[in-house]
Amino acid sequence: MKNHVMLLLSFTIATIIGIFGQNMAYFLNENFFEVAPIFYLAVVTFVSISLNICILF
């Protein structure tokens, strides 16, 4: 049962990161280093995809 909860939690977090990735990228750009937001978007997208891949294994 605990494994199912962790699986569902990871999937939910990965989905939220994927949906709101652009907003997160702009937030990071405004509040941290000012680089092109596409770099932050790439990092956020990578994290989202990585979490989804980790769920499969």
PDB file of N, CA and C in Angstrom:
ATOM      1  N   MET A   1       0.820  -1.194   0.000  1.00  0.00           N
ATOM      2  CA  MET A   1       0.000   0.000   0.000  1.00  0.00           C
ATOM      3  C   MET A   1       0.868   1.265   0.000  1.00  0.00           C
ATOM      4  N   LYS A   2       1.944   1.232   0.785  1.00  0.00           N
ATOM      5  CA  LYS A   2       2.825   2.396   0.859  1.00  0.00           C
ATOM      6  C   LYS A   2       3.464   2.683  -0.497  1.00  0.00           C
ATOM      7  N   ASN A   3       3.794   1.635  -1.242  1.00  0.00           N
ATOM      8  CA  ASN A   3       4.386   1.817  -2.566  1.00  0.00           C
ATOM      9  C   ASN A   3       3.412   2.502  -3.520  1.00  0.00           C
ATOM     10  N   HIS A   4       2.139   2.156  -3.406  1.00  0.00           N
ATOM     11  CA  HIS A   4       1.132   2.766  -4.273  1.00  0.00           C
ATOM     12  C   HIS A   4       0.965   4.249  -3.966  1.00  0.00           C
ATOM     13  N   VAL A   5       1.040   4.613  -2.710  1.00  0.00           N
ATOM     14  CA  VAL A   5       0.926   6.018  -2.319  1.00  0.00           C
ATOM     15  C   VAL A   5       2.116   6.805  -2.850  1.00  0.00           C
ATOM     16  N   MET A   6       3.318   6.260  -2.706  1.00  0.00           N
ATOM     17  CA  MET A   6       4.516   6.938  -3.211  1.00  0.00           C
ATOM     18  C   MET A   6       4.462   7.058  -4.738  1.00  0.00           C
ATOM     19  N   LEU A   7       3.986   6.033  -5.404  1.00  0.00           N
ATOM     20  CA  LEU A   7       3.858   6.053  -6.854  1.00  0.00           C
ATOM     21  C   LEU A   7       2.876   7.129  -7.295  1.00  0.00           C
ATOM     22  N   LEU A   8       1.738   7.197  -6.638  1.00  0.00           N
ATOM     23  CA  LEU A   8       0.734   8.195  -6.973  1.00  0.00           C
ATOM     24  C   LEU A   8       1.231   9.610  -6.671  1.00  0.00           C
ATOM     25  N   LEU A   9       1.929   9.779  -5.570  1.00  0.00           N
ATOM     26  CA  LEU A   9       2.472  11.083  -5.205  1.00  0.00           C
ATOM     27  C   LEU A   9       3.519  11.548  -6.224  1.00  0.00           C
ATOM     28  N   SER A  10       4.419  10.655  -6.613  1.00  0.00           N
ATOM     29  CA  SER A  10       5.443  11.012  -7.603  1.00  0.00           C
ATOM     30  C   SER A  10       4.816  11.360  -8.950  1.00  0.00           C
ATOM     31  N   PHE A  11       3.825  10.587  -9.348  1.00  0.00           N
ATOM     32  CA  PHE A  11       3.150  10.845 -10.621  1.00  0.00           C
ATOM     33  C   PHE A  11       2.422  12.184 -10.585  1.00  0.00           C
ATOM     34  N   THR A  12       1.794  12.499  -9.470  1.00  0.00           N
ATOM     35  CA  THR A  12       1.077  13.765  -9.329  1.00  0.00           C
ATOM     36  C   THR A  12       2.036  14.945  -9.373  1.00  0.00           C
ATOM     37  N   ILE A  13       3.143  14.847  -8.663  1.00  0.00           N
ATOM     38  CA  ILE A  13       4.140  15.926  -8.668  1.00  0.00           C
ATOM     39  C   ILE A  13       4.713  16.117 -10.066  1.00  0.00           C
ATOM     40  N   ALA A  14       5.040  15.022 -10.745  1.00  0.00           N
ATOM     41  CA  ALA A  14       5.592  15.116 -12.099  1.00  0.00           C
ATOM     42  C   ALA A  14       4.586  15.758 -13.052  1.00  0.00           C
ATOM     43  N   THR A  15       3.316  15.438 -12.905  1.00  0.00           N
ATOM     44  CA  THR A  15       2.287  16.017 -13.761  1.00  0.00           C
ATOM     45  C   THR A  15       2.128  17.509 -13.501  1.00  0.00           C
ATOM     46  N   ILE A  16       2.125  17.897 -12.230  1.00  0.00           N
ATOM     47  CA  ILE A  16       2.005  19.317 -11.888  1.00  0.00           C
ATOM     48  C   ILE A  16       3.202  20.099 -12.413  1.00  0.00           C
ATOM     49  N   ILE A  17       4.394  19.541 -12.259  1.00  0.00           N
ATOM     50  CA  ILE A  17       5.589  20.211 -12.783  1.00  0.00           C
ATOM     51  C   ILE A  17       5.490  20.345 -14.304  1.00  0.00           C
ATOM     52  N   GLY A  18       4.992  19.316 -14.963  1.00  0.00           N
ATOM     53  CA  GLY A  18       4.849  19.372 -16.419  1.00  0.00           C
ATOM     54  C   GLY A  18       3.837  20.407 -16.870  1.00  0.00           C
ATOM     55  N   ILE A  19       2.730  20.525 -16.149  1.00  0.00           N
ATOM     56  CA  ILE A  19       1.682  21.475 -16.535  1.00  0.00           C
ATOM     57  C   ILE A  19       2.106  22.911 -16.272  1.00  0.00           C
ATOM     58  N   PHE A  20       2.690  23.156 -15.106  1.00  0.00           N
ATOM     59  CA  PHE A  20       3.040  24.521 -14.723  1.00  0.00           C
ATOM     60  C   PHE A  20       4.519  24.842 -14.948  1.00  0.00           C
ATOM     61  N   GLY A  21       5.170  24.112 -15.831  1.00  0.00           N
ATOM     62  CA  GLY A  21       6.596  24.302 -16.080  1.00  0.00           C
ATOM     63  C   GLY A  21       6.952  25.682 -16.592  1.00  0.00           C
ATOM     64  N   GLN A  22       6.134  26.240 -17.476  1.00  0.00           N
ATOM     65  CA  GLN A  22       6.442  27.556 -18.032  1.00  0.00           C
ATOM     66  C   GLN A  22       6.333  28.633 -16.957  1.00  0.00           C
ATOM     67  N   ASN A  23       5.311  28.548 -16.122  1.00  0.00           N
ATOM     68  CA  ASN A  23       5.175  29.516 -15.034  1.00  0.00           C
ATOM     69  C   ASN A  23       6.342  29.404 -14.063  1.00  0.00           C
ATOM     70  N   MET A  24       6.762  28.180 -13.776  1.00  0.00           N
ATOM     71  CA  MET A  24       7.910  27.978 -12.886  1.00  0.00           C
ATOM     72  C   MET A  24       9.181  28.560 -13.492  1.00  0.00           C
ATOM     73  N   ALA A  25       9.340  28.411 -14.804  1.00  0.00           N
ATOM     74  CA  ALA A  25      10.524  28.935 -15.482  1.00  0.00           C
ATOM     75  C   ALA A  25      10.576  30.461 -15.382  1.00  0.00           C
ATOM     76  N   TYR A  26       9.449  31.118 -15.590  1.00  0.00           N
ATOM     77  CA  TYR A  26       9.430  32.575 -15.464  1.00  0.00           C
ATOM     78  C   TYR A  26       9.661  33.019 -14.024  1.00  0.00           C
ATOM     79  N   PHE A  27       9.108  32.276 -13.064  1.00  0.00           N
ATOM     80  CA  PHE A  27       9.329  32.590 -11.653  1.00  0.00           C
ATOM     81  C   PHE A  27      10.812  32.471 -11.301  1.00  0.00           C
ATOM     82  N   LEU A  28      11.446  31.401 -11.734  1.00  0.00           N
ATOM     83  CA  LEU A  28      12.866  31.210 -11.462  1.00  0.00           C
ATOM     84  C   LEU A  28      13.705  32.290 -12.139  1.00  0.00           C
ATOM     85  N   ASN A  29      13.303  32.677 -13.337  1.00  0.00           N
ATOM     86  CA  ASN A  29      14.037  33.723 -14.062  1.00  0.00           C
ATOM     87  C   ASN A  29      13.962  35.060 -13.334  1.00  0.00           C
ATOM     88  N   GLU A  30      12.807  35.378 -12.771  1.00  0.00           N
ATOM     89  CA  GLU A  30      12.642  36.661 -12.079  1.00  0.00           C
ATOM     90  C   GLU A  30      13.330  36.677 -10.719  1.00  0.00           C
ATOM     91  N   ASN A  31      13.392  35.536 -10.042  1.00  0.00           N
ATOM     92  CA  ASN A  31      13.870  35.511  -8.665  1.00  0.00           C
ATOM     93  C   ASN A  31      15.288  34.978  -8.482  1.00  0.00           C
ATOM     94  N   PHE A  32      15.845  34.375  -9.510  1.00  0.00           N
ATOM     95  CA  PHE A  32      17.203  33.858  -9.425  1.00  0.00           C
ATOM     96  C   PHE A  32      18.033  34.511 -10.515  1.00  0.00           C
ATOM     97  N   PHE A  33      18.942  33.776 -11.095  1.00  0.00           N
ATOM     98  CA  PHE A  33      19.800  34.337 -12.138  1.00  0.00           C
ATOM     99  C   PHE A  33      18.978  34.699 -13.367  1.00  0.00           C
ATOM    100  N   GLU A  34      19.289  35.846 -13.945  1.00  0.00           N
ATOM    101  CA  GLU A  34      18.565  36.275 -15.130  1.00  0.00           C
ATOM    102  C   GLU A  34      19.226  35.711 -16.377  1.00  0.00           C
ATOM    103  N   VAL A  35      18.797  34.528 -16.733  1.00  0.00           N
ATOM    104  CA  VAL A  35      19.186  33.916 -17.999  1.00  0.00           C
ATOM    105  C   VAL A  35      17.905  33.730 -18.794  1.00  0.00           C
ATOM    106  N   ALA A  36      18.036  33.272 -20.000  1.00  0.00           N
ATOM    107  CA  ALA A  36      16.841  33.063 -20.811  1.00  0.00           C
ATOM    108  C   ALA A  36      15.929  32.041 -20.130  1.00  0.00           C
ATOM    109  N   PRO A  37      14.637  32.315 -20.065  1.00  0.00           N
ATOM    110  CA  PRO A  37      13.715  31.394 -19.393  1.00  0.00           C
ATOM    111  C   PRO A  37      13.704  29.994 -20.003  1.00  0.00           C
ATOM    112  N   ILE A  38      14.154  29.883 -21.250  1.00  0.00           N
ATOM    113  CA  ILE A  38      14.159  28.564 -21.889  1.00  0.00           C
ATOM    114  C   ILE A  38      15.088  27.593 -21.163  1.00  0.00           C
ATOM    115  N   PHE A  39      16.144  28.115 -20.544  1.00  0.00           N
ATOM    116  CA  PHE A  39      17.044  27.240 -19.799  1.00  0.00           C
ATOM    117  C   PHE A  39      16.357  26.690 -18.559  1.00  0.00           C
ATOM    118  N   TYR A  40      15.634  27.547 -17.858  1.00  0.00           N
ATOM    119  CA  TYR A  40      14.873  27.075 -16.701  1.00  0.00           C
ATOM    120  C   TYR A  40      13.769  26.113 -17.135  1.00  0.00           C
ATOM    121  N   LEU A  41      13.136  26.411 -18.259  1.00  0.00           N
ATOM    122  CA  LEU A  41      12.091  25.525 -18.758  1.00  0.00           C
ATOM    123  C   LEU A  41      12.666  24.157 -19.099  1.00  0.00           C
ATOM    124  N   ALA A  42      13.866  24.131 -19.661  1.00  0.00           N
ATOM    125  CA  ALA A  42      14.506  22.849 -19.980  1.00  0.00           C
ATOM    126  C   ALA A  42      14.778  22.049 -18.711  1.00  0.00           C
ATOM    127  N   VAL A  43      15.236  22.723 -17.655  1.00  0.00           N
ATOM    128  CA  VAL A  43      15.511  22.032 -16.392  1.00  0.00           C
ATOM    129  C   VAL A  43      14.221  21.498 -15.778  1.00  0.00           C
ATOM    130  N   VAL A  44      13.185  22.312 -15.761  1.00  0.00           N
ATOM    131  CA  VAL A  44      11.905  21.886 -15.185  1.00  0.00           C
ATOM    132  C   VAL A  44      11.323  20.720 -15.984  1.00  0.00           C
ATOM    133  N   THR A  45      11.425  20.788 -17.298  1.00  0.00           N
ATOM    134  CA  THR A  45      10.936  19.698 -18.142  1.00  0.00           C
ATOM    135  C   THR A  45      11.731  18.419 -17.894  1.00  0.00           C
ATOM    136  N   PHE A  46      13.041  18.547 -17.763  1.00  0.00           N
ATOM    137  CA  PHE A  46      13.883  17.389 -17.485  1.00  0.00           C
ATOM    138  C   PHE A  46      13.497  16.735 -16.152  1.00  0.00           C
ATOM    139  N   VAL A  47      13.243  17.546 -15.146  1.00  0.00           N
ATOM    140  CA  VAL A  47      12.838  17.016 -13.838  1.00  0.00           C
ATOM    141  C   VAL A  47      11.508  16.283 -13.958  1.00  0.00           C
ATOM    142  N   SER A  48      10.569  16.860 -14.667  1.00  0.00           N
ATOM    143  CA  SER A  48       9.265  16.230 -14.837  1.00  0.00           C
ATOM    144  C   SER A  48       9.377  14.887 -15.566  1.00  0.00           C
ATOM    145  N   ILE A  49      10.136  14.863 -16.656  1.00  0.00           N
ATOM    146  CA  ILE A  49      10.307  13.625 -17.409  1.00  0.00           C
ATOM    147  C   ILE A  49      11.062  12.585 -16.580  1.00  0.00           C
ATOM    148  N   SER A  50      12.064  13.028 -15.830  1.00  0.00           N
ATOM    149  CA  SER A  50      12.827  12.105 -14.992  1.00  0.00           C
ATOM    150  C   SER A  50      11.942  11.458 -13.934  1.00  0.00           C
ATOM    151  N   LEU A  51      11.084  12.253 -13.312  1.00  0.00           N
ATOM    152  CA  LEU A  51      10.177  11.681 -12.312  1.00  0.00           C
ATOM    153  C   LEU A  51       9.226  10.664 -12.949  1.00  0.00           C
ATOM    154  N   ASN A  52       8.737  10.960 -14.149  1.00  0.00           N
ATOM    155  CA  ASN A  52       7.855  10.014 -14.816  1.00  0.00           C
ATOM    156  C   ASN A  52       8.592   8.737 -15.189  1.00  0.00           C
ATOM    157  N   ILE A  53       9.843   8.847 -15.614  1.00  0.00           N
ATOM    158  CA  ILE A  53      10.621   7.650 -15.951  1.00  0.00           C
ATOM    159  C   ILE A  53      10.918   6.837 -14.704  1.00  0.00           C
ATOM    160  N   CYS A  54      11.229   7.511 -13.598  1.00  0.00           N
ATOM    161  CA  CYS A  54      11.501   6.793 -12.350  1.00  0.00           C
ATOM    162  C   CYS A  54      10.283   6.009 -11.878  1.00  0.00           C
ATOM    163  N   ILE A  55       9.103   6.485 -12.192  1.00  0.00           N
ATOM    164  CA  ILE A  55       7.887   5.791 -11.806  1.00  0.00           C
ATOM    165  C   ILE A  55       7.802   4.444 -12.526  1.00  0.00           C
ATOM    166  N   LEU A  56       8.288   4.396 -13.752  1.00  0.00           N
ATOM    167  CA  LEU A  56       8.178   3.163 -14.538  1.00  0.00           C
ATOM    168  C   LEU A  56       9.084   2.048 -14.036  1.00  0.00           C
ATOM    169  N   PHE A  57      10.166   2.414 -13.362  1.00  0.00           N
ATOM    170  CA  PHE A  57      11.126   1.390 -12.939  1.00  0.00           C
ATOM    171  C   PHE A  57      11.121   1.179 -11.471  1.00  0.00           C
TER     172      PHE A  57
END
